[in-house]
């Protein structure tokens, strides 16, 4: 079972597992757009924020960031009793799971990409978020595979569009080259024609001059 919520602005989906075993499934079957939240150095729920495609962590609205941090603090047995805690967050794809780790434990591929923020207890925000909480049983593996297929299809479409654009550019360069070549040939023919006309005119003038003295 997975708990799904909406941020207060209604623009983003937030989800978290019920226990450490479901957290394992969420770690395994996240999406590239997901950002993972956890209370630093304490046991807590794993909260995920699903960003819109193309967004980075820098694009997370402050209210949405506060929602996730407040929610993960409220779902920490030790953290919820404290006035404030530190919360760490990073992209789902930065999470690293090794065979020696217990359920719910994670490491990071790039620790420098993990951010840390202090958050204070805020029960009004928690209550507001809890109002739209739903318990669902999604097929996480299928959702991940569908998203990966969609991303691959988008990449293929982008490559095809890029290749088409390159071909069009090549055709345009070829056309411009042919036009320049044509203009050069026509210019040379025009010069030759003018030379011939001048020669003809000179010859005619000479003949007329000779006729005048005959």
Protein backbone atom coordinates (compact mmCIF):
# COMPACT_ATOMS: atom_id res chain seq x y z
CA UNK A 1 0.00 0.00 0.00
CA UNK A 2 1.20 3.49 -0.87
CA UNK A 3 -0.09 6.77 0.50
CA UNK A 4 -0.68 9.42 -2.15
CA UNK A 5 -1.18 13.10 -1.38
CA UNK A 6 -1.22 16.43 -3.19
CA UNK A 7 0.87 19.43 -2.30
CA UNK A 8 -1.07 22.38 -0.95
CA UNK A 9 -0.85 24.12 -4.31
CA UNK A 10 -2.42 21.03 -5.92
CA UNK A 11 0.23 20.89 -8.66
CA UNK A 12 2.38 18.01 -7.46
CA UNK A 13 1.92 14.45 -6.27
CA UNK A 14 3.59 13.28 -3.06
CA UNK A 15 3.73 9.64 -2.03
CA UNK A 16 5.22 7.47 0.68
CA UNK A 17 5.24 3.86 1.82
CA UNK A 18 3.43 2.53 4.87
CA UNK A 19 6.47 0.76 6.32
CA UNK A 20 10.11 -0.14 5.62
CA UNK A 21 9.16 -3.06 3.38
CA UNK A 22 7.11 -0.87 1.10
CA UNK A 23 9.94 1.64 1.17
CA UNK A 24 12.06 -1.02 -0.50
CA UNK A 25 9.58 -1.19 -3.38
CA UNK A 26 9.56 2.59 -3.71
CA UNK A 27 13.36 2.68 -3.78
CA UNK A 28 13.38 0.06 -6.52
CA UNK A 29 10.56 1.36 -8.68
CA UNK A 30 10.82 5.14 -8.59
CA UNK A 31 10.62 7.39 -11.62
CA UNK A 32 13.28 9.74 -13.02
CA UNK A 33 11.12 12.72 -12.02
CA UNK A 34 10.97 11.70 -8.34
CA UNK A 35 12.75 13.48 -5.50
CA UNK A 36 13.33 11.48 -2.29
CA UNK A 37 13.05 12.98 1.21
CA UNK A 38 14.17 11.53 4.56
CA UNK A 39 14.90 12.84 8.05
CA UNK A 40 18.65 13.04 8.42
CA UNK A 41 20.20 10.57 10.91
CA UNK A 42 16.78 9.39 12.15
CA UNK A 43 14.32 6.73 11.12
CA UNK A 44 11.46 8.15 9.07
CA UNK A 45 9.14 7.52 6.20
CA UNK A 46 10.50 7.78 2.67
CA UNK A 47 8.60 10.64 1.06
CA UNK A 48 8.74 11.26 -2.68
CA UNK A 49 7.83 14.34 -4.66
CA UNK A 50 7.01 13.75 -8.32
CA UNK A 51 8.24 16.64 -10.39
CA UNK A 52 7.05 17.49 -13.87
CA UNK A 53 9.27 16.27 -16.74
CA UNK A 54 12.22 18.55 -17.30
CA UNK A 55 12.20 20.06 -13.82
CA UNK A 56 15.27 20.08 -11.57
CA UNK A 57 15.55 20.30 -7.80
CA UNK A 58 16.19 24.01 -8.22
CA UNK A 59 12.71 24.29 -9.74
CA UNK A 60 10.88 22.89 -6.70
CA UNK A 61 8.52 25.58 -5.38
CA UNK A 62 9.28 26.61 -1.79
CA UNK A 63 5.81 25.61 -0.59
CA UNK A 64 6.09 22.15 -2.15
CA UNK A 65 9.53 21.71 -0.59
CA UNK A 66 8.15 22.71 2.79
CA UNK A 67 5.23 20.30 2.37
CA UNK A 68 7.53 17.33 1.79
CA UNK A 69 9.95 18.24 4.57
CA UNK A 70 7.13 18.81 7.05
CA UNK A 71 5.46 15.55 6.06
CA UNK A 72 8.60 13.45 6.42
CA UNK A 73 9.31 15.00 9.83
CA UNK A 74 5.76 14.20 11.00
CA UNK A 75 6.28 10.59 9.91
CA UNK A 76 9.41 10.04 11.96
CA UNK A 77 8.88 8.44 15.36
CA UNK A 78 11.74 10.38 16.89
CA UNK A 79 11.63 13.37 14.57
CA UNK A 80 7.99 14.23 15.19
CA UNK A 81 8.79 14.82 18.86
CA UNK A 82 11.46 17.39 18.11
CA UNK A 83 10.83 21.07 17.45
CA UNK A 84 13.01 20.89 14.36
CA UNK A 85 15.05 18.35 12.40
CA UNK A 86 17.27 18.27 9.35
CA UNK A 87 15.85 16.68 6.22
CA UNK A 88 17.93 15.40 3.32
CA UNK A 89 16.63 15.16 -0.22
CA UNK A 90 17.95 14.12 -3.61
CA UNK A 91 16.79 12.74 -6.94
CA UNK A 92 15.51 9.17 -6.84
CA UNK A 93 18.10 8.15 -9.43
CA UNK A 94 20.84 9.19 -6.98
CA UNK A 95 19.78 6.55 -4.45
CA UNK A 96 22.11 3.55 -4.18
CA UNK A 97 21.13 0.20 -2.74
CA UNK A 98 23.70 -2.49 -1.97
CA UNK A 99 23.25 -6.09 -0.86
CA UNK A 100 24.48 -5.46 2.67
CA UNK A 101 21.90 -2.80 3.49
CA UNK A 102 18.83 -3.47 5.63
CA UNK A 103 15.28 -2.68 4.54
CA UNK A 104 14.78 1.02 3.97
CA UNK A 105 18.48 1.85 4.08
CA UNK A 106 20.04 3.66 1.14
CA UNK A 107 23.29 5.28 0.07
CA UNK A 108 24.03 7.74 -2.71
CA UNK A 109 25.78 7.48 -6.03
CA UNK A 110 26.83 11.10 -5.70
CA UNK A 111 26.72 12.41 -2.11
CA UNK A 112 27.46 15.92 -3.36
CA UNK A 113 24.03 15.96 -5.00
CA UNK A 114 22.22 15.48 -1.68
CA UNK A 115 20.75 18.61 -0.12
CA UNK A 116 20.06 19.23 3.56
CA UNK A 117 17.52 21.61 5.06
CA UNK A 118 16.26 22.40 8.53
CA UNK A 119 12.51 22.15 9.05
CA UNK A 120 10.39 23.01 12.08
CA UNK A 121 7.26 21.31 13.32
CA UNK A 122 4.20 22.58 11.49
CA UNK A 123 1.04 20.68 12.39
CA UNK A 124 -1.32 22.92 10.35
CA UNK A 125 0.50 21.96 7.14
CA UNK A 126 0.42 18.28 8.07
CA UNK A 127 -3.31 18.40 8.75
CA UNK A 128 -3.95 20.15 5.46
CA UNK A 129 -1.94 17.57 3.52
CA UNK A 130 -3.60 14.67 5.33
CA UNK A 131 -7.03 15.80 4.11
CA UNK A 132 -6.36 14.57 0.57
CA UNK A 133 -4.38 11.42 1.48
CA UNK A 134 -5.37 8.27 -0.42
CA UNK A 135 -4.34 4.66 0.13
CA UNK A 136 -3.65 2.95 -3.19
CA UNK A 137 -2.09 -0.27 -4.41
CA UNK A 138 -0.32 0.69 -7.64
CA UNK A 139 1.69 -1.68 -9.80
CA UNK A 140 4.95 0.21 -9.25
CA UNK A 141 6.98 -1.98 -11.61
CA UNK A 142 4.47 -1.48 -14.42
CA UNK A 143 4.31 2.29 -13.84
CA UNK A 144 8.09 2.50 -13.98
CA UNK A 145 8.29 0.42 -17.15
CA UNK A 146 5.57 2.49 -18.84
CA UNK A 147 7.42 5.69 -17.99
CA UNK A 148 10.74 4.32 -19.24
CA UNK A 149 9.08 3.25 -22.49
CA UNK A 150 7.61 6.72 -22.85
CA UNK A 151 11.01 8.33 -22.30
CA UNK A 152 12.62 6.04 -24.87
CA UNK A 153 9.90 6.87 -27.40
CA UNK A 154 10.46 10.59 -26.79
CA UNK A 155 14.21 10.19 -27.28
CA UNK A 156 13.68 8.30 -30.53
CA UNK A 157 11.28 10.97 -31.77
CA UNK A 158 13.80 13.67 -30.85
CA UNK A 159 16.58 11.83 -32.72
CA UNK A 160 14.38 11.43 -35.80
CA UNK A 161 13.50 15.13 -35.69
CA UNK A 162 17.18 16.03 -35.34
CA UNK A 163 18.16 13.79 -38.25
CA UNK A 164 15.38 15.28 -40.38
CA UNK A 165 16.53 18.80 -39.53
CA UNK A 166 20.11 17.91 -40.48
CA UNK A 167 18.97 16.50 -43.84
CA UNK A 168 16.95 19.63 -44.54
CA UNK A 169 19.95 21.79 -43.68
CA UNK A 170 22.15 19.72 -45.96
CA UNK A 171 19.64 20.03 -48.80
CA UNK A 172 19.47 23.78 -48.23
CA UNK A 173 23.26 24.08 -48.31
CA UNK A 174 23.35 22.03 -51.51
CA UNK A 175 20.68 24.22 -53.11
CA UNK A 176 22.52 27.39 -52.14
CA UNK A 177 25.75 25.95 -53.53
CA UNK A 178 24.05 25.08 -56.81
CA UNK A 179 22.54 28.55 -57.00
CA UNK A 180 25.95 30.16 -56.44
CA UNK A 181 27.43 27.90 -59.12
CA UNK A 182 24.61 28.80 -61.50
CA UNK A 183 25.05 32.51 -60.84
CA UNK A 184 28.79 32.19 -61.52
CA UNK A 185 28.21 30.38 -64.80
CA UNK A 186 25.61 32.90 -65.88
CA UNK A 187 27.98 35.73 -64.96
CA UNK A 188 30.74 34.21 -67.05
CA UNK A 189 28.37 33.68 -69.99
CA UNK A 190 27.23 37.27 -69.70
CA UNK A 191 30.83 38.47 -69.76
CA UNK A 192 31.55 36.35 -72.82
CA UNK A 193 28.40 37.64 -74.52
CA UNK A 194 29.37 41.24 -73.83
CA UNK A 195 32.86 40.62 -75.16
CA UNK A 196 31.45 39.10 -78.33
CA UNK A 197 29.06 42.01 -78.77
CA UNK A 198 31.88 44.49 -78.34
CA UNK A 199 33.99 42.60 -80.84
CA UNK A 200 31.12 42.53 -83.31
CA UNK A 201 30.54 46.22 -82.84
CA UNK A 202 34.23 46.97 -83.42
CA UNK A 203 34.24 44.87 -86.57
CA UNK A 204 31.14 46.56 -87.92
CA UNK A 205 32.56 49.99 -87.18
CA UNK A 206 35.78 49.07 -88.99
CA UNK A 207 33.86 47.86 -92.05
CA UNK A 208 31.80 51.06 -92.14
CA UNK A 209 34.98 53.12 -91.85
CA UNK A 210 36.52 51.27 -94.77
CA UNK A 211 33.36 51.74 -96.85
CA UNK A 212 33.58 55.49 -96.35
CA UNK A 213 36.94 55.59 -98.10
CA UNK A 214 36.03 53.37 -101.03
